């Protein structure tokens, strides 16, 4: 198995893995056309970086993440938006390998923390991250705004 950066040719396999993740957490399946995928990852202003694990030409997992900076603490960090391993390949160290790749990226770029969100009902992910040493941030609430709403 090989950890590498995402490539343009990976679109269909990334989408299949993203659908698995959406199903796992009861979200609607993503509709991610190739032009949008290419722009988000390889365009003029990429939205995130992505690492993949490939096994015999097949993608078996990916981690999508981006850099962020909290001005009030002067803390550069990484936000891990998605980490998914193919359902048939879980328990083989692939998630740990992806997370170690993100950790290496964080060290290389000077990030002091890696942040991520977990659905309360995603017990397998909670166990995985706890085993990797993740600590829950109790005093922070995750909130969302619709950019089109003006209340």
Protein backbone atom coordinates (compact mmCIF):
# COMPACT_ATOMS: atom_id res chain seq x y z
CA UNK A 1 0.00 0.00 0.00
CA UNK A 2 1.25 3.41 -0.97
CA UNK A 3 0.50 6.83 0.59
CA UNK A 4 0.60 9.65 -1.96
CA UNK A 5 -0.86 13.02 -2.89
CA UNK A 6 -4.12 12.99 -4.81
CA UNK A 7 -3.91 13.15 -8.59
CA UNK A 8 -6.39 14.44 -11.15
CA UNK A 9 -7.13 10.90 -12.34
CA UNK A 10 -8.47 9.94 -8.88
CA UNK A 11 -11.84 11.72 -9.21
CA UNK A 12 -14.10 8.67 -9.66
CA UNK A 13 -12.48 6.66 -6.87
CA UNK A 14 -12.54 9.63 -4.48
CA UNK A 15 -16.23 10.11 -5.22
CA UNK A 16 -16.93 6.42 -4.50
CA UNK A 17 -15.14 6.67 -1.14
CA UNK A 18 -16.93 9.95 -0.33
CA UNK A 19 -20.25 8.19 -0.99
CA UNK A 20 -19.27 5.48 1.50
CA UNK A 21 -18.55 8.15 4.11
CA UNK A 22 -21.84 9.94 3.44
CA UNK A 23 -23.74 6.67 3.81
CA UNK A 24 -21.85 5.86 7.03
CA UNK A 25 -22.95 9.13 8.66
CA UNK A 26 -26.44 9.32 7.08
CA UNK A 27 -25.65 12.28 4.82
CA UNK A 28 -26.92 12.58 1.25
CA UNK A 29 -24.50 11.18 -1.33
CA UNK A 30 -22.19 13.79 -2.84
CA UNK A 31 -22.65 15.00 -6.38
CA UNK A 32 -19.12 16.06 -7.23
CA UNK A 33 -18.61 16.50 -10.98
CA UNK A 34 -15.08 16.17 -12.32
CA UNK A 35 -14.66 19.89 -13.19
CA UNK A 36 -15.55 20.92 -9.63
CA UNK A 37 -13.25 18.24 -8.16
CA UNK A 38 -10.37 19.40 -10.31
CA UNK A 39 -10.95 23.05 -9.43
CA UNK A 40 -11.30 22.43 -5.68
CA UNK A 41 -8.06 20.44 -5.53
CA UNK A 42 -5.95 21.70 -8.42
CA UNK A 43 -7.40 25.09 -9.36
CA UNK A 44 -5.95 28.55 -8.87
CA UNK A 45 -7.01 28.63 -5.21
CA UNK A 46 -7.34 25.02 -3.96
CA UNK A 47 -9.86 24.42 -1.16
CA UNK A 48 -7.91 21.59 0.41
CA UNK A 49 -5.08 19.15 0.08
CA UNK A 50 -5.65 15.42 -0.09
CA UNK A 51 -3.63 12.31 0.63
CA UNK A 52 -4.70 8.90 -0.65
CA UNK A 53 -3.69 5.33 0.04
CA UNK A 54 -3.47 3.19 -3.08
CA UNK A 55 -3.36 -0.59 -3.12
CA UNK A 56 -2.68 -2.30 -6.46
CA UNK A 57 -4.07 0.66 -8.42
CA UNK A 58 -7.19 1.01 -6.26
CA UNK A 59 -7.73 3.87 -3.82
CA UNK A 60 -8.62 2.45 -0.42
CA UNK A 61 -8.74 5.67 1.59
CA UNK A 62 -8.26 9.41 1.59
CA UNK A 63 -7.74 12.32 3.95
CA UNK A 64 -8.79 15.85 2.93
CA UNK A 65 -7.42 18.77 4.93
CA UNK A 66 -6.58 22.43 4.79
CA UNK A 67 -4.54 25.00 6.62
CA UNK A 68 -6.10 27.53 8.97
CA UNK A 69 -4.81 30.25 11.25
CA UNK A 70 -6.37 31.52 14.46
CA UNK A 71 -5.22 35.13 14.78
CA UNK A 72 -6.15 35.52 18.46
CA UNK A 73 -3.81 32.67 19.45
CA UNK A 74 -1.30 33.07 16.59
CA UNK A 75 -1.75 29.35 16.05
CA UNK A 76 -1.35 27.82 12.60
CA UNK A 77 -3.25 24.55 12.38
CA UNK A 78 -4.68 21.96 10.03
CA UNK A 79 -8.40 21.24 9.70
CA UNK A 80 -9.02 17.63 8.71
CA UNK A 81 -12.35 17.74 6.87
CA UNK A 82 -12.64 14.10 5.81
CA UNK A 83 -10.84 10.84 6.48
CA UNK A 84 -12.37 7.70 5.00
CA UNK A 85 -11.21 4.14 4.47
CA UNK A 86 -13.00 1.73 2.14
CA UNK A 87 -15.40 -0.40 4.19
CA UNK A 88 -13.73 -3.61 2.98
CA UNK A 89 -10.29 -2.39 4.08
CA UNK A 90 -10.97 -1.05 7.58
CA UNK A 91 -8.89 -2.39 10.43
CA UNK A 92 -5.73 -2.74 8.32
CA UNK A 93 -3.93 0.42 9.47
CA UNK A 94 -4.95 2.56 6.49
CA UNK A 95 -6.63 5.26 8.57
CA UNK A 96 -3.61 5.41 10.85
CA UNK A 97 -1.35 5.73 7.82
CA UNK A 98 -3.46 8.58 6.42
CA UNK A 99 -3.51 10.37 9.77
CA UNK A 100 0.26 10.01 10.07
CA UNK A 101 0.56 11.58 6.62
CA UNK A 102 -1.54 14.53 7.79
CA UNK A 103 0.58 14.77 10.96
CA UNK A 104 3.74 14.83 8.84
CA UNK A 105 2.25 17.60 6.68
CA UNK A 106 1.39 19.54 9.85
CA UNK A 107 4.93 19.20 11.21
CA UNK A 108 6.46 20.19 7.87
CA UNK A 109 4.27 23.30 7.56
CA UNK A 110 4.55 24.44 11.18
CA UNK A 111 0.97 23.67 12.20
CA UNK A 112 0.59 23.31 15.96
CA UNK A 113 -2.68 21.35 16.01
CA UNK A 114 -4.89 19.21 13.80
CA UNK A 115 -8.59 19.88 14.31
CA UNK A 116 -11.54 17.86 13.04
CA UNK A 117 -15.23 17.29 13.70
CA UNK A 118 -16.93 14.00 14.53
CA UNK A 119 -20.58 13.09 14.43
CA UNK A 120 -21.65 12.00 17.90
CA UNK A 121 -23.11 8.79 16.46
CA UNK A 122 -19.93 7.85 14.55
CA UNK A 123 -18.67 5.45 17.19
CA UNK A 124 -16.04 3.79 15.01
CA UNK A 125 -14.42 7.15 14.20
CA UNK A 126 -14.53 8.23 17.83
CA UNK A 127 -12.74 5.03 18.88
CA UNK A 128 -10.19 5.41 16.06
CA UNK A 129 -9.26 9.00 16.94
CA UNK A 130 -9.17 8.26 20.68
CA UNK A 131 -6.71 5.44 19.97
CA UNK A 132 -4.56 7.95 18.06
CA UNK A 133 -4.43 10.28 21.09
CA UNK A 134 -7.11 12.79 20.06
CA UNK A 135 -8.66 14.78 22.89
CA UNK A 136 -12.15 16.22 22.79
CA UNK A 137 -12.31 20.02 23.00
CA UNK A 138 -15.14 20.47 25.49
CA UNK A 139 -15.46 24.26 25.44
CA UNK A 140 -15.99 24.74 21.69
CA UNK A 141 -19.33 24.46 19.90
CA UNK A 142 -19.40 23.65 16.20
CA UNK A 143 -21.78 26.03 14.43
CA UNK A 144 -22.75 26.56 10.80
CA UNK A 145 -24.20 29.46 8.81
CA UNK A 146 -25.89 29.37 5.44
CA UNK A 147 -24.09 32.06 3.40
CA UNK A 148 -27.37 32.93 1.65
CA UNK A 149 -29.32 33.49 4.87
CA UNK A 150 -29.65 37.05 6.21
CA UNK A 151 -31.32 36.74 9.59
